[in-house]
Amino acid sequence: MKIIRTSILPFSGFSAINVLGILFVHHGVYLSNEMMNHERIHSAQQREMLYVFFYVAYLIEWLVRLPMRGNAYRNISFEREAYANQRNLHYLQSRPWYAWRQYMRRPAHQRNNQSR
């Protein structure tokens, strides 16, 4: 994965952003093994969705999750898969295609609060 250190990307509040398999990182940000694995998971998601469909789906899911309880960004299925598996440095070796789909269901905190 190509890494570009820049002060322009990513947006405020984020350490890194993966665009078309290129990682843009702020100067001085430490790239831990977990962070790199998180971004590699995003690269796998992007490739399997031919890049453009990944970004369309990501935007649509973010818009759908905006009015829901919780953090819309953290509840996007692509992010949930990456965060759930970023510590498993061997995850990509056994990751099934389209694994992010299993993370599309509402997060547990949203399901539990709905039944009250």
C-alpha atoms as a PDB file:
ATOM      1  CA  MET A   1       0.000   0.000   0.000  1.00  0.00           C
ATOM      2  CA  LYS A   2       1.389   3.371  -0.981  1.00  0.00           C
ATOM      3  CA  ILE A   3       1.528   5.879   1.887  1.00  0.00           C
ATOM      4  CA  ILE A   4       1.462   9.641   1.334  1.00  0.00           C
ATOM      5  CA  ARG A   5       2.055  11.985   4.266  1.00  0.00           C
ATOM      6  CA  THR A   6       0.159  15.230   3.827  1.00  0.00           C
ATOM      7  CA  SER A   7      -1.429  18.052   5.802  1.00  0.00           C
ATOM      8  CA  ILE A   8      -4.424  18.244   3.441  1.00  0.00           C
ATOM      9  CA  LEU A   9      -5.911  14.756   3.793  1.00  0.00           C
ATOM     10  CA  PRO A  10      -7.474  13.261   5.813  1.00  0.00           C
ATOM     11  CA  PHE A  11     -10.140  15.569   7.134  1.00  0.00           C
ATOM     12  CA  SER A  12      -9.981  17.018  10.619  1.00  0.00           C
ATOM     13  CA  GLY A  13     -10.499  14.400  13.318  1.00  0.00           C
ATOM     14  CA  PHE A  14      -9.080  11.524  11.288  1.00  0.00           C
ATOM     15  CA  SER A  15      -5.518  10.204  11.218  1.00  0.00           C
ATOM     16  CA  ALA A  16      -5.636   8.472   7.843  1.00  0.00           C
ATOM     17  CA  ILE A  17      -7.855   7.932   4.825  1.00  0.00           C
ATOM     18  CA  ASN A  18      -7.620   5.201   2.205  1.00  0.00           C
ATOM     19  CA  VAL A  19      -8.438   6.420  -1.299  1.00  0.00           C
ATOM     20  CA  LEU A  20      -8.178   3.867  -4.100  1.00  0.00           C
ATOM     21  CA  GLY A  21      -5.713   1.834  -2.033  1.00  0.00           C
ATOM     22  CA  ILE A  22      -3.470   4.831  -1.336  1.00  0.00           C
ATOM     23  CA  LEU A  23      -3.169   5.778   2.317  1.00  0.00           C
ATOM     24  CA  PHE A  24      -3.098   9.514   3.058  1.00  0.00           C
ATOM     25  CA  VAL A  25      -1.754  10.209   6.551  1.00  0.00           C
ATOM     26  CA  HIS A  26      -1.077  13.360   8.516  1.00  0.00           C
ATOM     27  CA  HIS A  27       2.563  14.099   9.282  1.00  0.00           C
ATOM     28  CA  GLY A  28       3.650  12.626  12.600  1.00  0.00           C
ATOM     29  CA  VAL A  29       0.906   9.992  12.806  1.00  0.00           C
ATOM     30  CA  TYR A  30       2.246   6.617  13.945  1.00  0.00           C
ATOM     31  CA  LEU A  31       1.052   3.816  11.668  1.00  0.00           C
ATOM     32  CA  SER A  32       0.578   0.879  14.028  1.00  0.00           C
ATOM     33  CA  ASN A  33       0.127  -2.675  12.768  1.00  0.00           C
ATOM     34  CA  GLU A  34      -3.543  -2.438  13.717  1.00  0.00           C
ATOM     35  CA  MET A  35      -4.058   0.807  11.796  1.00  0.00           C
ATOM     36  CA  MET A  36      -2.319  -0.623   8.737  1.00  0.00           C
ATOM     37  CA  ASN A  37      -4.437  -3.782   8.935  1.00  0.00           C
ATOM     38  CA  HIS A  38      -7.596  -1.651   9.247  1.00  0.00           C
ATOM     39  CA  GLU A  39      -6.648   0.187   6.061  1.00  0.00           C
ATOM     40  CA  ARG A  40      -5.700  -3.045   4.262  1.00  0.00           C
ATOM     41  CA  ILE A  41      -9.170  -4.370   5.058  1.00  0.00           C
ATOM     42  CA  HIS A  42     -10.597  -1.250   3.405  1.00  0.00           C
ATOM     43  CA  SER A  43      -8.372  -1.885   0.370  1.00  0.00           C
ATOM     44  CA  ALA A  44      -9.784  -5.421   0.101  1.00  0.00           C
ATOM     45  CA  GLN A  45     -13.333  -4.053   0.362  1.00  0.00           C
ATOM     46  CA  GLN A  46     -12.630  -1.478  -2.343  1.00  0.00           C
ATOM     47  CA  ARG A  47     -11.088  -4.014  -4.733  1.00  0.00           C
ATOM     48  CA  GLU A  48     -13.924  -6.508  -4.408  1.00  0.00           C
ATOM     49  CA  MET A  49     -16.439  -3.736  -5.164  1.00  0.00           C
ATOM     50  CA  LEU A  50     -14.424  -2.364  -8.081  1.00  0.00           C
ATOM     51  CA  TYR A  51     -13.672   0.848  -6.147  1.00  0.00           C
ATOM     52  CA  VAL A  52     -16.500   3.037  -7.469  1.00  0.00           C
ATOM     53  CA  PHE A  53     -19.254   0.805  -6.021  1.00  0.00           C
ATOM     54  CA  PHE A  54     -17.478   0.833  -2.654  1.00  0.00           C
ATOM     55  CA  TYR A  55     -17.633   4.630  -2.476  1.00  0.00           C
ATOM     56  CA  VAL A  56     -21.259   4.734  -3.626  1.00  0.00           C
ATOM     57  CA  ALA A  57     -22.282   2.102  -1.060  1.00  0.00           C
ATOM     58  CA  TYR A  58     -20.224   3.787   1.674  1.00  0.00           C
ATOM     59  CA  LEU A  59     -21.916   7.146   1.063  1.00  0.00           C
ATOM     60  CA  ILE A  60     -25.413   5.647   0.887  1.00  0.00           C
ATOM     61  CA  GLU A  61     -24.914   3.670   4.089  1.00  0.00           C
ATOM     62  CA  TRP A  62     -23.520   6.732   5.879  1.00  0.00           C
ATOM     63  CA  LEU A  63     -26.578   8.766   4.810  1.00  0.00           C
ATOM     64  CA  VAL A  64     -28.937   6.001   5.988  1.00  0.00           C
ATOM     65  CA  ARG A  65     -27.169   5.758   9.352  1.00  0.00           C
ATOM     66  CA  LEU A  66     -26.996   9.538   9.985  1.00  0.00           C
ATOM     67  CA  PRO A  67     -30.448   9.796  11.624  1.00  0.00           C
ATOM     68  CA  MET A  68     -29.900   6.587  13.615  1.00  0.00           C
ATOM     69  CA  ARG A  69     -28.644   6.546  17.169  1.00  0.00           C
ATOM     70  CA  GLY A  70     -24.875   6.363  17.560  1.00  0.00           C
ATOM     71  CA  ASN A  71     -21.998   7.433  15.371  1.00  0.00           C
ATOM     72  CA  ALA A  72     -22.921   7.082  11.679  1.00  0.00           C
ATOM     73  CA  TYR A  73     -19.278   6.631  10.631  1.00  0.00           C
ATOM     74  CA  ARG A  74     -18.564   3.889  13.189  1.00  0.00           C
ATOM     75  CA  ASN A  75     -21.816   2.100  12.284  1.00  0.00           C
ATOM     76  CA  ILE A  76     -21.066   1.779   8.549  1.00  0.00           C
ATOM     77  CA  SER A  77     -20.645  -1.926   7.769  1.00  0.00           C
ATOM     78  CA  PHE A  78     -17.258  -1.363   6.088  1.00  0.00           C
ATOM     79  CA  GLU A  79     -15.944   0.394   9.196  1.00  0.00           C
ATOM     80  CA  ARG A  80     -17.462  -2.160  11.546  1.00  0.00           C
ATOM     81  CA  GLU A  81     -15.690  -4.989   9.716  1.00  0.00           C
ATOM     82  CA  ALA A  82     -12.376  -3.107   9.716  1.00  0.00           C
ATOM     83  CA  TYR A  83     -12.568  -2.132  13.405  1.00  0.00           C
ATOM     84  CA  ALA A  84     -13.715  -5.608  14.476  1.00  0.00           C
ATOM     85  CA  ASN A  85     -10.766  -7.278  12.753  1.00  0.00           C
ATOM     86  CA  GLN A  86      -7.951  -4.727  12.804  1.00  0.00           C
ATOM     87  CA  ARG A  87      -6.122  -6.553  15.622  1.00  0.00           C
ATOM     88  CA  ASN A  88      -6.243  -9.878  13.785  1.00  0.00           C
ATOM     89  CA  LEU A  89      -3.205  -9.432  11.551  1.00  0.00           C
ATOM     90  CA  HIS A  90      -4.033 -12.700   9.724  1.00  0.00           C
ATOM     91  CA  TYR A  91      -7.652 -11.741   9.000  1.00  0.00           C
ATOM     92  CA  LEU A  92      -7.116 -10.953   5.324  1.00  0.00           C
ATOM     93  CA  GLN A  93      -5.657 -14.420   4.703  1.00  0.00           C
ATOM     94  CA  SER A  94      -8.995 -16.044   5.555  1.00  0.00           C
ATOM     95  CA  ARG A  95     -11.451 -13.195   4.918  1.00  0.00           C
ATOM     96  CA  PRO A  96     -14.356 -14.305   2.736  1.00  0.00           C
ATOM     97  CA  TRP A  97     -15.428 -12.123  -0.161  1.00  0.00           C
ATOM     98  CA  TYR A  98     -17.969  -9.460   0.798  1.00  0.00           C
ATOM     99  CA  ALA A  99     -17.466 -10.166   4.520  1.00  0.00           C
ATOM    100  CA  TRP A 100     -18.659  -6.626   5.290  1.00  0.00           C
ATOM    101  CA  ARG A 101     -22.232  -7.758   4.509  1.00  0.00           C
ATOM    102  CA  GLN A 102     -22.509  -9.550   7.843  1.00  0.00           C
ATOM    103  CA  TYR A 103     -21.930  -6.184   9.547  1.00  0.00           C
ATOM    104  CA  MET A 104     -24.868  -4.479   7.820  1.00  0.00           C
ATOM    105  CA  ARG A 105     -27.356  -5.419  10.514  1.00  0.00           C
ATOM    106  CA  ARG A 106     -27.988  -2.737  13.072  1.00  0.00           C
ATOM    107  CA  PRO A 107     -25.373  -2.616  15.833  1.00  0.00           C
ATOM    108  CA  ALA A 108     -26.347  -4.393  19.069  1.00  0.00           C
ATOM    109  CA  HIS A 109     -26.862  -1.152  21.023  1.00  0.00           C
ATOM    110  CA  GLN A 110     -29.463  -0.052  18.480  1.00  0.00           C
ATOM    111  CA  ARG A 111     -31.320  -3.396  18.511  1.00  0.00           C
ATOM    112  CA  ASN A 112     -31.413  -3.546  22.330  1.00  0.00           C
ATOM    113  CA  ASN A 113     -32.705   0.003  22.740  1.00  0.00           C
ATOM    114  CA  GLN A 114     -35.459  -0.530  20.180  1.00  0.00           C
ATOM    115  CA  SER A 115     -37.120  -3.280  22.266  1.00  0.00           C
ATOM    116  CA  ARG A 116     -37.573  -0.937  25.285  1.00  0.00           C
END
